Amino acid sequence: MAIEKENKAVVINGDMISPGENRQVKINIARLPTGTLIDIPVHVFNGKKAGPAVLVQAGLHGDEINGVETLRRLLQDDQFKIKKGAVIVVPILNVFGFIHFSRDVPDGKDVNRSFPGRKKGSLASRIAYHYTNEILPQIDFGIDLHTGGGLRHNFPQIRYTLEDEKSKDLALLFNAPFHFSSRLITGSFRKTAFKMNKPIIVYEAGESMRFDEKSIAIGVQGVKNILIGLGMLAGKPPKKTSIWFDSTRWIRASRAGMFIPEVKNGSSILKGQVLGTITDTYAKKSNKIKAPFDGFVFCMNHQAVVNQGDALFHIGKQ
């Protein structure tokens, strides 16, 4: 009879979380002008038995609150008991942005364009530096929760790295309505993790500063699906129903005016179908926006008045 190996300890900011221990630790970042210390809360669930170490994080952009609520619900779930391996949960990475209802930190820089960061760089760079050195060495892979920008709503979707087959496997386990590959962006958390051979998938759902119940529920279940699929959490893996996109395309406004969508986000579309209309305020001119191919809408702009070139629909095809 084989004896299962004991899991390894997790060490963050000098704090050791032993196998079988669940604890919250903190990564000290900086202080507010008032002298108030700002740190990143990190929840660690370290199983007794050996297994993978998984990072689940949200709030990399401070105004993307759907992911924060997703992880809050996960943390309060009495059934969230890790059988093996370790789960590191970071509900709010960009605490500064969260406090100011902002995507960025107070100096205007984007933390997700500042990785791997510098110890004595800008505030965004310092946050990225500490996170890269304290968290990434501890994990085998990660799930990064995001939302669309202001007035831009993402239907629940998973993005993975084309060059990383493991990230595609994770995307399938998550089982969001849609999944597809997306390019690595310079300075992003995902690209830095990729260079360290740490697969990361990105869950995009909802829009900034608004709770979206469907997005939150799918996010909670998706994280559980991965942990269940890896034997880290009790439960039965669901039937895989996620739709894969071979390619995606933004549909942009050909003229300025009032934008009236005529399809729902997440719906299937046919080539030539009218997706929406742009009209002037005098009812003199209007422009129909038509689908260039059969596929699905997975992002919509909710801005009522748009300028020429604004992104209106993000569509994908199989």
Protein backbone atom coordinates (compact mmCIF):
# COMPACT_ATOMS: atom_id res chain seq x y z
CA MET A 1 0.00 0.00 0.00
CA ALA A 2 1.51 3.29 -1.12
CA ILE A 3 1.92 5.96 1.54
CA GLU A 4 0.83 9.42 0.39
CA LYS A 5 3.45 12.10 0.80
CA GLU A 6 2.83 15.03 3.12
CA ASN A 7 2.34 18.38 1.45
CA LYS A 8 5.06 21.03 1.55
CA ALA A 9 4.89 24.18 3.67
CA VAL A 10 3.98 27.51 2.09
CA VAL A 11 6.15 30.48 3.06
CA ILE A 12 4.94 34.03 2.36
CA ASN A 13 6.63 37.16 3.72
CA GLY A 14 8.46 35.06 6.29
CA ASP A 15 5.28 33.36 7.56
CA MET A 16 5.21 29.58 7.27
CA ILE A 17 1.90 27.79 6.74
CA SER A 18 2.43 24.12 7.53
CA PRO A 19 0.58 21.18 5.93
CA GLY A 20 -2.95 20.96 7.35
CA GLU A 21 -2.99 24.63 8.36
CA ASN A 22 -5.29 27.40 7.07
CA ARG A 23 -4.20 30.94 7.81
CA GLN A 24 -4.28 34.54 6.61
CA VAL A 25 -0.97 36.33 6.16
CA LYS A 26 -0.07 39.74 4.74
CA ILE A 27 2.40 41.17 2.25
CA ASN A 28 3.48 44.65 3.33
CA ILE A 29 3.54 47.10 0.41
CA ALA A 30 3.63 50.78 1.40
CA ARG A 31 1.94 53.47 3.48
CA LEU A 32 -0.68 56.10 2.70
CA PRO A 33 0.32 59.76 3.15
CA THR A 34 -1.40 59.53 6.57
CA GLY A 35 1.05 56.83 7.61
CA THR A 36 -1.52 54.04 7.41
CA LEU A 37 0.14 50.79 6.36
CA ILE A 38 -1.24 49.14 3.22
CA ASP A 39 -0.75 45.41 2.83
CA ILE A 40 -2.15 42.63 0.66
CA PRO A 41 -4.19 40.02 2.62
CA VAL A 42 -3.39 36.47 1.52
CA HIS A 43 -5.48 33.47 2.58
CA VAL A 44 -3.64 30.15 2.52
CA PHE A 45 -5.35 26.75 2.67
CA ASN A 46 -2.61 24.14 2.92
CA GLY A 47 -3.79 20.53 2.70
CA LYS A 48 -2.04 17.73 4.55
CA LYS A 49 -1.52 15.56 1.46
CA ALA A 50 0.84 16.48 -1.36
CA GLY A 51 -0.67 18.17 -4.40
CA PRO A 52 -0.42 21.26 -6.62
CA ALA A 53 -0.29 24.80 -5.25
CA VAL A 54 -2.96 27.00 -6.85
CA LEU A 55 -3.27 30.79 -6.79
CA VAL A 56 -6.74 32.34 -7.11
CA GLN A 57 -6.62 36.13 -7.25
CA ALA A 58 -8.79 39.16 -7.99
CA GLY A 59 -8.60 42.93 -7.80
CA LEU A 60 -5.45 43.31 -9.89
CA HIS A 61 -7.39 46.27 -11.27
CA GLY A 62 -9.00 47.98 -8.28
CA ASP A 63 -12.34 48.76 -9.93
CA GLU A 64 -12.98 45.17 -11.05
CA ILE A 65 -15.08 44.11 -8.09
CA ASN A 66 -16.86 41.03 -9.46
CA GLY A 67 -13.76 38.94 -8.81
CA VAL A 68 -13.45 40.32 -5.28
CA GLU A 69 -17.01 39.23 -4.49
CA THR A 70 -16.41 35.88 -6.17
CA LEU A 71 -13.52 35.12 -3.83
CA ARG A 72 -15.36 36.48 -0.79
CA ARG A 73 -18.10 33.93 -1.42
CA LEU A 74 -15.54 31.20 -1.94
CA LEU A 75 -13.85 32.02 1.38
CA GLN A 76 -17.11 31.90 3.33
CA ASP A 77 -18.20 28.58 1.79
CA ASP A 78 -18.25 25.89 4.50
CA GLN A 79 -17.62 23.23 1.82
CA PHE A 80 -14.34 24.86 0.78
CA LYS A 81 -12.11 22.24 2.41
CA ILE A 82 -8.89 21.44 0.58
CA LYS A 83 -8.09 17.71 0.54
CA LYS A 84 -4.58 17.96 -0.89
CA GLY A 85 -2.17 20.56 -2.24
CA ALA A 86 -2.53 24.22 -1.39
CA VAL A 87 -4.81 27.06 -2.45
CA ILE A 88 -3.62 30.64 -2.07
CA VAL A 89 -6.49 33.15 -2.29
CA VAL A 90 -5.86 36.87 -2.84
CA PRO A 91 -9.20 38.71 -3.02
CA ILE A 92 -7.71 42.18 -3.57
CA LEU A 93 -4.26 42.50 -5.10
CA ASN A 94 -4.40 46.23 -5.92
CA VAL A 95 -5.58 47.56 -2.56
CA PHE A 96 -4.76 51.17 -3.53
CA GLY A 97 -6.95 50.98 -6.64
CA PHE A 98 -9.77 49.33 -4.70
CA ILE A 99 -9.78 52.12 -2.10
CA HIS A 100 -9.96 54.79 -4.83
CA PHE A 101 -12.48 52.93 -7.10
CA SER A 102 -9.76 52.99 -9.74
CA ARG A 103 -8.19 50.56 -12.19
CA ASP A 104 -4.76 51.95 -11.35
CA VAL A 105 -2.73 53.03 -8.33
CA PRO A 106 -2.63 56.73 -7.25
CA ASP A 107 0.27 57.60 -9.58
CA GLY A 108 -1.83 56.50 -12.58
CA LYS A 109 0.18 53.38 -13.40
CA ASP A 110 -1.37 49.99 -14.12
CA VAL A 111 -0.07 47.22 -11.86
CA ASN A 112 -0.85 44.71 -14.61
CA ARG A 113 1.61 46.47 -16.92
CA SER A 114 4.32 46.69 -14.24
CA PHE A 115 5.41 43.06 -13.74
CA PRO A 116 7.86 41.69 -12.73
CA GLY A 117 8.39 45.04 -11.02
CA ARG A 118 11.29 46.71 -9.24
CA LYS A 119 11.95 46.91 -5.51
CA LYS A 120 12.58 50.66 -5.67
CA GLY A 121 10.41 51.52 -8.67
CA SER A 122 7.02 53.23 -8.89
CA LEU A 123 4.24 52.19 -6.53
CA ALA A 124 2.75 49.88 -9.17
CA SER A 125 6.20 48.42 -9.83
CA ARG A 126 6.80 47.82 -6.12
CA ILE A 127 3.49 45.99 -5.73
CA ALA A 128 4.37 43.82 -8.75
CA TYR A 129 7.89 43.17 -7.39
CA HIS A 130 6.73 41.97 -3.97
CA TYR A 131 4.00 39.83 -5.52
CA THR A 132 6.36 38.28 -8.07
CA ASN A 133 8.85 37.36 -5.37
CA GLU A 134 6.49 36.31 -2.58
CA ILE A 135 3.64 34.56 -4.40
CA LEU A 136 4.74 33.25 -7.80
CA PRO A 137 7.55 31.01 -6.46
CA GLN A 138 4.97 29.24 -4.26
CA ILE A 139 2.50 28.20 -6.96
CA ASP A 140 2.19 25.69 -9.80
CA PHE A 141 -0.55 27.59 -11.66
CA GLY A 142 -3.06 30.39 -11.14
CA ILE A 143 -6.56 31.72 -11.87
CA ASP A 144 -6.76 35.50 -12.36
CA LEU A 145 -10.25 37.06 -12.09
CA HIS A 146 -11.05 40.20 -14.12
CA THR A 147 -14.01 42.13 -15.54
CA GLY A 148 -14.58 44.36 -18.55
CA GLY A 149 -13.83 48.08 -18.33
CA GLY A 150 -16.26 50.88 -17.61
CA LEU A 151 -19.55 50.36 -19.51
CA ARG A 152 -18.03 47.37 -21.30
CA HIS A 153 -19.59 44.08 -20.23
CA ASN A 154 -17.78 40.76 -20.70
CA PHE A 155 -19.92 37.64 -20.92
CA PRO A 156 -18.25 34.99 -18.68
CA GLN A 157 -15.19 33.66 -20.54
CA ILE A 158 -11.78 32.13 -19.95
CA ARG A 159 -8.64 33.26 -21.73
CA TYR A 160 -5.56 31.06 -21.87
CA THR A 161 -2.08 31.24 -23.37
CA LEU A 162 -1.75 29.62 -26.81
CA GLU A 163 1.86 28.60 -26.19
CA ASP A 164 0.97 26.90 -22.89
CA GLU A 165 -1.00 23.68 -23.30
CA LYS A 166 -1.45 23.38 -19.53
CA SER A 167 -3.36 26.66 -19.44
CA LYS A 168 -5.76 25.33 -22.09
CA ASP A 169 -6.36 22.23 -19.95
CA LEU A 170 -7.19 24.50 -17.01
CA ALA A 171 -9.57 26.52 -19.21
CA LEU A 172 -11.46 23.34 -20.07
CA LEU A 173 -11.68 22.35 -16.41
CA PHE A 174 -13.04 25.78 -15.43
CA ASN A 175 -15.87 25.27 -17.94
CA ALA A 176 -16.92 28.90 -18.51
CA PRO A 177 -19.46 29.51 -21.32
CA PHE A 178 -16.63 30.51 -23.71
CA HIS A 179 -12.86 29.98 -23.83
CA PHE A 180 -10.15 31.08 -26.27
CA SER A 181 -6.46 31.95 -26.43
CA SER A 182 -5.26 35.53 -26.03
CA ARG A 183 -1.84 37.04 -26.54
CA LEU A 184 0.58 37.77 -23.72
CA ILE A 185 0.91 41.48 -22.93
CA THR A 186 4.27 42.98 -21.97
CA GLY A 187 4.39 43.81 -18.27
CA SER A 188 1.38 41.67 -17.42
CA PHE A 189 1.14 39.26 -14.52
CA ARG A 190 0.31 36.42 -16.92
CA LYS A 191 3.39 37.00 -19.09
CA THR A 192 5.71 37.14 -16.09
CA ALA A 193 4.19 33.92 -14.77
CA PHE A 194 4.54 32.31 -18.22
CA LYS A 195 8.28 33.09 -18.20
CA MET A 196 8.48 31.34 -14.83
CA ASN A 197 6.64 28.30 -16.27
CA LYS A 198 3.53 29.03 -14.18
CA PRO A 199 0.35 28.57 -16.28
CA ILE A 200 -2.27 31.28 -15.69
CA ILE A 201 -5.83 31.48 -16.96
CA VAL A 202 -7.86 34.70 -16.91
CA TYR A 203 -11.56 34.72 -16.08
CA GLU A 204 -13.26 37.79 -17.60
CA ALA A 205 -16.86 38.48 -16.59
CA GLY A 206 -19.10 41.51 -16.04
CA GLU A 207 -18.00 45.15 -16.03
CA SER A 208 -16.13 47.38 -13.58
CA MET A 209 -17.82 48.77 -10.44
CA ARG A 210 -20.95 46.65 -10.92
CA PHE A 211 -21.85 43.31 -9.40
CA ASP A 212 -23.13 40.77 -11.92
CA GLU A 213 -24.74 37.80 -10.18
CA LYS A 214 -24.36 35.41 -13.12
CA SER A 215 -20.68 36.27 -13.54
CA ILE A 216 -20.02 35.80 -9.83
CA ALA A 217 -21.84 32.45 -9.64
CA ILE A 218 -20.03 31.08 -12.72
CA GLY A 219 -16.73 32.31 -11.28
CA VAL A 220 -17.26 30.55 -7.95
CA GLN A 221 -18.24 27.32 -9.67
CA GLY A 222 -15.40 27.57 -12.18
CA VAL A 223 -12.75 27.77 -9.46
CA LYS A 224 -14.38 24.80 -7.74
CA ASN A 225 -14.48 22.88 -11.04
CA ILE A 226 -10.71 23.14 -11.37
CA LEU A 227 -10.07 22.09 -7.77
CA ILE A 228 -12.53 19.21 -8.08
CA GLY A 229 -10.98 18.14 -11.38
CA LEU A 230 -7.57 17.97 -9.73
CA GLY A 231 -8.87 16.04 -6.72
CA MET A 232 -8.19 18.94 -4.35
CA LEU A 233 -11.84 19.51 -3.45
CA ALA A 234 -14.69 17.05 -2.96
CA GLY A 235 -17.29 16.92 -5.71
CA LYS A 236 -18.09 15.62 -9.17
CA PRO A 237 -16.65 17.36 -12.26
CA PRO A 238 -19.39 18.80 -14.52
CA LYS A 239 -19.93 17.85 -18.13
CA LYS A 240 -17.72 20.09 -20.28
CA THR A 241 -19.93 22.52 -22.19
CA SER A 242 -17.56 25.46 -22.81
CA ILE A 243 -17.50 26.76 -26.40
CA TRP A 244 -14.06 27.32 -27.93
CA PHE A 245 -13.34 30.25 -30.24
CA ASP A 246 -10.86 29.75 -33.05
CA SER A 247 -10.71 33.53 -33.60
CA THR A 248 -12.18 36.75 -32.23
CA ARG A 249 -12.86 40.19 -33.66
CA TRP A 250 -13.89 43.64 -32.42
CA ILE A 251 -16.71 45.39 -34.25
CA ARG A 252 -16.17 49.16 -34.10
CA ALA A 253 -18.36 52.18 -34.71
CA SER A 254 -18.07 53.43 -38.31
CA ARG A 255 -19.51 56.79 -37.25
CA ALA A 256 -20.35 58.75 -34.07
CA GLY A 257 -23.85 58.88 -32.65
CA MET A 258 -26.27 57.16 -30.31
CA PHE A 259 -25.70 53.43 -30.03
CA ILE A 260 -28.67 51.06 -29.75
CA PRO A 261 -27.73 47.35 -29.46
CA GLU A 262 -30.20 44.79 -30.81
CA VAL A 263 -28.69 41.55 -29.50
CA LYS A 264 -27.96 40.24 -26.03
CA ASN A 265 -24.46 39.58 -24.76
CA GLY A 266 -23.60 35.89 -24.95
CA SER A 267 -26.05 35.20 -27.79
CA SER A 268 -25.29 33.37 -31.02
CA ILE A 269 -25.33 35.44 -34.22
CA LEU A 270 -25.54 34.79 -37.95
CA LYS A 271 -23.55 36.44 -40.73
CA GLY A 272 -25.37 39.58 -41.88
CA GLN A 273 -27.54 39.78 -38.75
CA VAL A 274 -28.11 43.31 -37.43
CA LEU A 275 -26.31 43.63 -34.11
CA GLY A 276 -27.23 47.24 -33.42
CA THR A 277 -27.76 50.70 -34.84
CA ILE A 278 -25.90 54.00 -34.62
CA THR A 279 -28.09 57.02 -35.26
CA ASP A 280 -27.71 60.79 -35.06
CA THR A 281 -29.79 62.85 -32.63
CA TYR A 282 -31.96 64.33 -35.42
CA ALA A 283 -33.29 61.06 -36.89
CA LYS A 284 -31.72 61.96 -40.23
CA LYS A 285 -29.01 59.31 -40.51
CA SER A 286 -28.53 55.83 -39.11
CA ASN A 287 -26.11 53.00 -39.64
CA LYS A 288 -26.87 49.30 -39.14
CA ILE A 289 -24.08 47.21 -37.61
CA LYS A 290 -24.04 43.73 -39.14
CA ALA A 291 -22.29 40.53 -38.12
CA PRO A 292 -19.36 39.68 -40.43
CA PHE A 293 -19.65 35.93 -39.70
CA ASP A 294 -21.58 33.31 -37.74
CA GLY A 295 -20.52 33.22 -34.11
CA PHE A 296 -21.23 34.57 -30.62
CA VAL A 297 -21.20 37.97 -28.92
CA PHE A 298 -19.06 37.83 -25.78
CA CYS A 299 -18.54 41.52 -24.99
CA MET A 300 -20.80 44.55 -25.44
CA ASN A 301 -20.35 48.27 -25.01
CA HIS A 302 -23.11 49.77 -22.85
CA GLN A 303 -22.20 53.37 -23.70
CA ALA A 304 -25.26 55.12 -25.18
CA VAL A 305 -23.28 57.76 -27.11
CA VAL A 306 -20.23 56.58 -29.04
CA ASN A 307 -17.47 58.05 -31.15
CA GLN A 308 -16.16 56.81 -34.46
CA GLY A 309 -13.85 53.86 -33.86
CA ASP A 310 -15.25 52.90 -30.45
CA ALA A 311 -15.37 49.16 -29.77
CA LEU A 312 -19.01 48.05 -29.72
CA PHE A 313 -19.07 44.24 -29.85
CA HIS A 314 -16.43 41.57 -29.34
CA ILE A 315 -17.43 38.49 -31.29
CA GLY A 316 -15.93 35.03 -31.65
CA LYS A 317 -16.30 32.12 -34.05
CA GLN A 318 -15.60 28.44 -33.65
